[in-house]
C-alpha atoms as a PDB file:
ATOM      1  CA  MET A   1      57.170  25.182   2.071  1.00  0.00           C
ATOM      2  CA  LYS A   2      54.255  27.022   4.304  1.00  0.00           C
ATOM      3  CA  ARG A   3      52.705  28.183   1.404  1.00  0.00           C
ATOM      4  CA  THR A   4      52.846  23.918  -0.025  1.00  0.00           C
ATOM      5  CA  LEU A   5      51.277  23.167   3.564  1.00  0.00           C
ATOM      6  CA  LEU A   6      48.311  25.467   3.548  1.00  0.00           C
ATOM      7  CA  LEU A   7      48.049  25.073  -0.519  1.00  0.00           C
ATOM      8  CA  ILE A   8      47.482  21.091   0.367  1.00  0.00           C
ATOM      9  CA  SER A   9      45.343  21.955   3.828  1.00  0.00           C
ATOM     10  CA  VAL A  10      43.108  23.879   2.220  1.00  0.00           C
ATOM     11  CA  ILE A  11      42.225  21.391  -0.922  1.00  0.00           C
ATOM     12  CA  SER A  12      41.913  18.214   1.873  1.00  0.00           C
ATOM     13  CA  VAL A  13      39.400  20.435   3.937  1.00  0.00           C
ATOM     14  CA  PHE A  14      37.594  21.201   0.392  1.00  0.00           C
ATOM     15  CA  ALA A  15      37.709  17.637  -0.302  1.00  0.00           C
ATOM     16  CA  ALA A  16      36.186  16.811   3.145  1.00  0.00           C
ATOM     17  CA  LEU A  17      33.461  19.582   2.852  1.00  0.00           C
ATOM     18  CA  CYS A  18      32.699  17.801  -0.946  1.00  0.00           C
ATOM     19  CA  SER A  19      32.731  14.109   0.797  1.00  0.00           C
ATOM     20  CA  ALA A  20      30.308  15.780   3.608  1.00  0.00           C
ATOM     21  CA  GLN A  21      28.451  16.929   1.463  1.00  0.00           C
ATOM     22  CA  ASP A  22      27.926  14.008  -1.426  1.00  0.00           C
ATOM     23  CA  ASP A  23      27.205  11.596   2.348  1.00  0.00           C
ATOM     24  CA  ALA A  24      24.370  13.805   2.968  1.00  0.00           C
ATOM     25  CA  ALA A  25      22.713  13.609  -0.639  1.00  0.00           C
ATOM     26  CA  TYR A  26      23.235   9.708  -0.404  1.00  0.00           C
ATOM     27  CA  MET A  27      21.907   9.456   3.160  1.00  0.00           C
ATOM     28  CA  ALA A  28      19.180  11.350   2.318  1.00  0.00           C
ATOM     29  CA  ALA A  29      18.726   9.027  -1.018  1.00  0.00           C
ATOM     30  CA  MET A  30      18.291   6.177   1.080  1.00  0.00           C
ATOM     31  CA  LYS A  31      16.412   7.484   3.024  1.00  0.00           C
ATOM     32  CA  SER A  32      13.471   8.117   0.477  1.00  0.00           C
ATOM     33  CA  MET A  33      14.092   5.076  -1.256  1.00  0.00           C
ATOM     34  CA  ASN A  34      11.539   2.862   1.522  1.00  0.00           C
ATOM     35  CA  ALA A  35       8.460   5.354   0.513  1.00  0.00           C
ATOM     36  CA  ALA A  36       9.469   5.537  -3.293  1.00  0.00           C
ATOM     37  CA  VAL A  37       9.710   1.327  -3.405  1.00  0.00           C
ATOM     38  CA  GLY A  38       6.438   0.820  -1.435  1.00  0.00           C
ATOM     39  CA  ALA A  39       4.549   3.084  -3.543  1.00  0.00           C
ATOM     40  CA  VAL A  40       5.842   1.086  -6.762  1.00  0.00           C
ATOM     41  CA  ASN A  41       4.968  -1.986  -5.490  1.00  0.00           C
ATOM     42  CA  THR A  42       1.329  -0.441  -4.386  1.00  0.00           C
ATOM     43  CA  ASP A  43       1.212   0.769  -8.118  1.00  0.00           C
ATOM     44  CA  ILE A  44       2.077  -2.742  -9.106  1.00  0.00           C
ATOM     45  CA  MET A  45      -0.290  -4.549  -7.271  1.00  0.00           C
ATOM     46  CA  ALA A  46      -2.633  -2.544  -8.029  1.00  0.00           C
ATOM     47  CA  LYS A  47      -2.111  -3.799 -11.549  1.00  0.00           C
ATOM     48  CA  ASP A  48      -1.879   0.332 -12.236  1.00  0.00           C
ATOM     49  CA  ALA A  49       1.017   0.055 -14.986  1.00  0.00           C
ATOM     50  CA  ALA A  50       0.647   3.498 -15.745  1.00  0.00           C
ATOM     51  CA  LYS A  51       1.424   5.213 -11.923  1.00  0.00           C
ATOM     52  CA  ALA A  52       3.777   2.645 -10.901  1.00  0.00           C
ATOM     53  CA  ALA A  53       5.909   3.983 -14.202  1.00  0.00           C
ATOM     54  CA  THR A  54       4.976   7.085 -13.216  1.00  0.00           C
ATOM     55  CA  ASP A  55       6.060   6.587  -9.314  1.00  0.00           C
ATOM     56  CA  ALA A  56       8.846   4.708 -10.809  1.00  0.00           C
ATOM     57  CA  LYS A  57      10.610   7.912 -11.652  1.00  0.00           C
ATOM     58  CA  GLN A  58      11.603   9.139  -7.916  1.00  0.00           C
ATOM     59  CA  LEU A  59      13.609   5.700  -8.351  1.00  0.00           C
ATOM     60  CA  VAL A  60      15.503   6.674 -11.142  1.00  0.00           C
ATOM     61  CA  THR A  61      16.342  10.292  -9.342  1.00  0.00           C
ATOM     62  CA  ILE A  62      17.517   7.898  -6.389  1.00  0.00           C
ATOM     63  CA  PHE A  63      19.553   5.677  -7.896  1.00  0.00           C
ATOM     64  CA  ASP A  64      20.814   8.803  -9.759  1.00  0.00           C
ATOM     65  CA  THR A  65      22.573   9.529  -6.464  1.00  0.00           C
ATOM     66  CA  VAL A  66      23.355   6.388  -5.294  1.00  0.00           C
ATOM     67  CA  LEU A  67      24.703   5.807  -8.919  1.00  0.00           C
ATOM     68  CA  SER A  68      27.153   8.788  -8.968  1.00  0.00           C
ATOM     69  CA  TYR A  69      28.034   8.473  -5.364  1.00  0.00           C
ATOM     70  CA  TRP A  70      29.483   4.898  -6.275  1.00  0.00           C
ATOM     71  CA  THR A  71      31.191   6.022  -8.962  1.00  0.00           C
ATOM     72  CA  ALA A  72      32.810   9.199  -6.685  1.00  0.00           C
ATOM     73  CA  LYS A  73      33.981   6.782  -4.569  1.00  0.00           C
ATOM     74  CA  LYS A  74      34.908   4.146  -6.592  1.00  0.00           C
ATOM     75  CA  THR A  75      33.985   1.191  -5.118  1.00  0.00           C
ATOM     76  CA  ASP A  76      33.003  -1.313  -7.967  1.00  0.00           C
ATOM     77  CA  ASP A  77      30.780  -3.827  -6.412  1.00  0.00           C
ATOM     78  CA  ALA A  78      28.787  -0.515  -5.544  1.00  0.00           C
ATOM     79  CA  ILE A  79      28.441   0.602  -9.135  1.00  0.00           C
ATOM     80  CA  GLY A  80      27.364  -2.439 -10.166  1.00  0.00           C
ATOM     81  CA  PHE A  81      24.880  -2.783  -8.339  1.00  0.00           C
ATOM     82  CA  ALA A  82      23.152   0.953  -8.466  1.00  0.00           C
ATOM     83  CA  THR A  83      23.595   0.622 -12.037  1.00  0.00           C
ATOM     84  CA  THR A  84      21.371  -2.877 -12.332  1.00  0.00           C
ATOM     85  CA  ALA A  85      19.027  -1.370  -9.587  1.00  0.00           C
ATOM     86  CA  HIS A  86      19.027   2.215 -11.744  1.00  0.00           C
ATOM     87  CA  ASP A  87      17.819   0.253 -14.584  1.00  0.00           C
ATOM     88  CA  ALA A  88      15.678  -1.839 -13.127  1.00  0.00           C
ATOM     89  CA  ALA A  89      14.000   1.291 -12.317  1.00  0.00           C
ATOM     90  CA  LYS A  90      14.216   2.967 -15.128  1.00  0.00           C
ATOM     91  CA  ALA A  91      12.597  -0.291 -17.027  1.00  0.00           C
ATOM     92  CA  ILE A  92       9.484   0.045 -14.884  1.00  0.00           C
ATOM     93  CA  THR A  93       9.062   3.623 -15.720  1.00  0.00           C
ATOM     94  CA  THR A  94       9.203   2.316 -19.504  1.00  0.00           C
ATOM     95  CA  SER A  95       6.765  -1.076 -18.901  1.00  0.00           C
ATOM     96  CA  THR A  96       2.828  -1.073 -19.264  1.00  0.00           C
ATOM     97  CA  ASP A  97       3.017  -4.631 -18.108  1.00  0.00           C
ATOM     98  CA  SER A  98       2.153  -5.413 -14.468  1.00  0.00           C
ATOM     99  CA  ASP A  99       4.736  -8.536 -14.170  1.00  0.00           C
ATOM    100  CA  ALA A 100       7.029  -6.665 -16.358  1.00  0.00           C
ATOM    101  CA  GLN A 101       7.028  -3.940 -13.804  1.00  0.00           C
ATOM    102  CA  ALA A 102       6.742  -6.846 -11.248  1.00  0.00           C
ATOM    103  CA  ALA A 103       9.974  -8.528 -12.280  1.00  0.00           C
ATOM    104  CA  SER A 104      11.947  -5.499 -12.530  1.00  0.00           C
ATOM    105  CA  LEU A 105      10.829  -4.439  -9.552  1.00  0.00           C
ATOM    106  CA  ARG A 106      12.317  -7.655  -8.158  1.00  0.00           C
ATOM    107  CA  THR A 107      14.978  -7.507  -9.466  1.00  0.00           C
ATOM    108  CA  LEU A 108      15.963  -4.190  -7.939  1.00  0.00           C
ATOM    109  CA  ARG A 109      15.112  -4.592  -4.419  1.00  0.00           C
ATOM    110  CA  GLY A 110      17.472  -7.656  -4.546  1.00  0.00           C
ATOM    111  CA  THR A 111      20.634  -5.390  -5.331  1.00  0.00           C
ATOM    112  CA  CYS A 112      19.392  -3.677  -2.397  1.00  0.00           C
ATOM    113  CA  GLY A 113      19.942  -6.417  -0.078  1.00  0.00           C
ATOM    114  CA  GLN A 114      23.248  -7.271  -1.759  1.00  0.00           C
ATOM    115  CA  CYS A 115      25.191  -3.928  -1.147  1.00  0.00           C
ATOM    116  CA  HIS A 116      23.862  -3.662   2.071  1.00  0.00           C
ATOM    117  CA  SER A 117      25.397  -6.679   3.363  1.00  0.00           C
ATOM    118  CA  ALA A 118      28.820  -5.456   1.254  1.00  0.00           C
ATOM    119  CA  HIS A 119      28.689  -1.979   2.124  1.00  0.00           C
ATOM    120  CA  ARG A 120      25.998  -1.015   5.243  1.00  0.00           C
ATOM    121  CA  ALA A 121      27.076  -1.497   8.570  1.00  0.00           C
ATOM    122  CA  GLY A 122      24.888  -1.001  12.064  1.00  0.00           C
ATOM    123  CA  GLY A 123      21.370  -0.977  13.112  1.00  0.00           C
ATOM    124  CA  GLY A 124      17.950   0.158  15.056  1.00  0.00           C
ATOM    125  CA  GLY A 125      18.136   3.718  12.596  1.00  0.00           C
ATOM    126  CA  GLN A 126      21.688   4.179  12.946  1.00  0.00           C
ATOM    127  CA  PHE A 127      22.835   2.805  10.068  1.00  0.00           C
ATOM    128  CA  THR A 128      26.854   3.942   8.076  1.00  0.00           C
ATOM    129  CA  ILE A 129      28.687   3.240   4.951  1.00  0.00           C
ATOM    130  CA  LYS A 130      31.271   1.005   5.047  1.00  0.00           C
END
């Protein structure tokens, strides 16, 4: 009985530590998002499709983290938002047309707002995941 209780305790602590690491990676990805989106937007506005495609690779990496986070949490709507944003970022990396890239960036930004409404609480830089 004591061994079973000890095993359950160890597993619980390990799971909590893994979850905290996932939360930290997710939060770091989210904090890097504004700069990455801003860089891609600047490239698109300058009609530099090649630079936008290169800079959007960072967005794909960020959304890899975001998608993994929500997949692990089994949160269907957030998985959908992250998948849409990931696909839009990937479309920017493969496009050579600034107008098409701008449309993909609008799609990406739209999903950000939807996910934030559903899964972000707090304000003033003190956001939490709900």
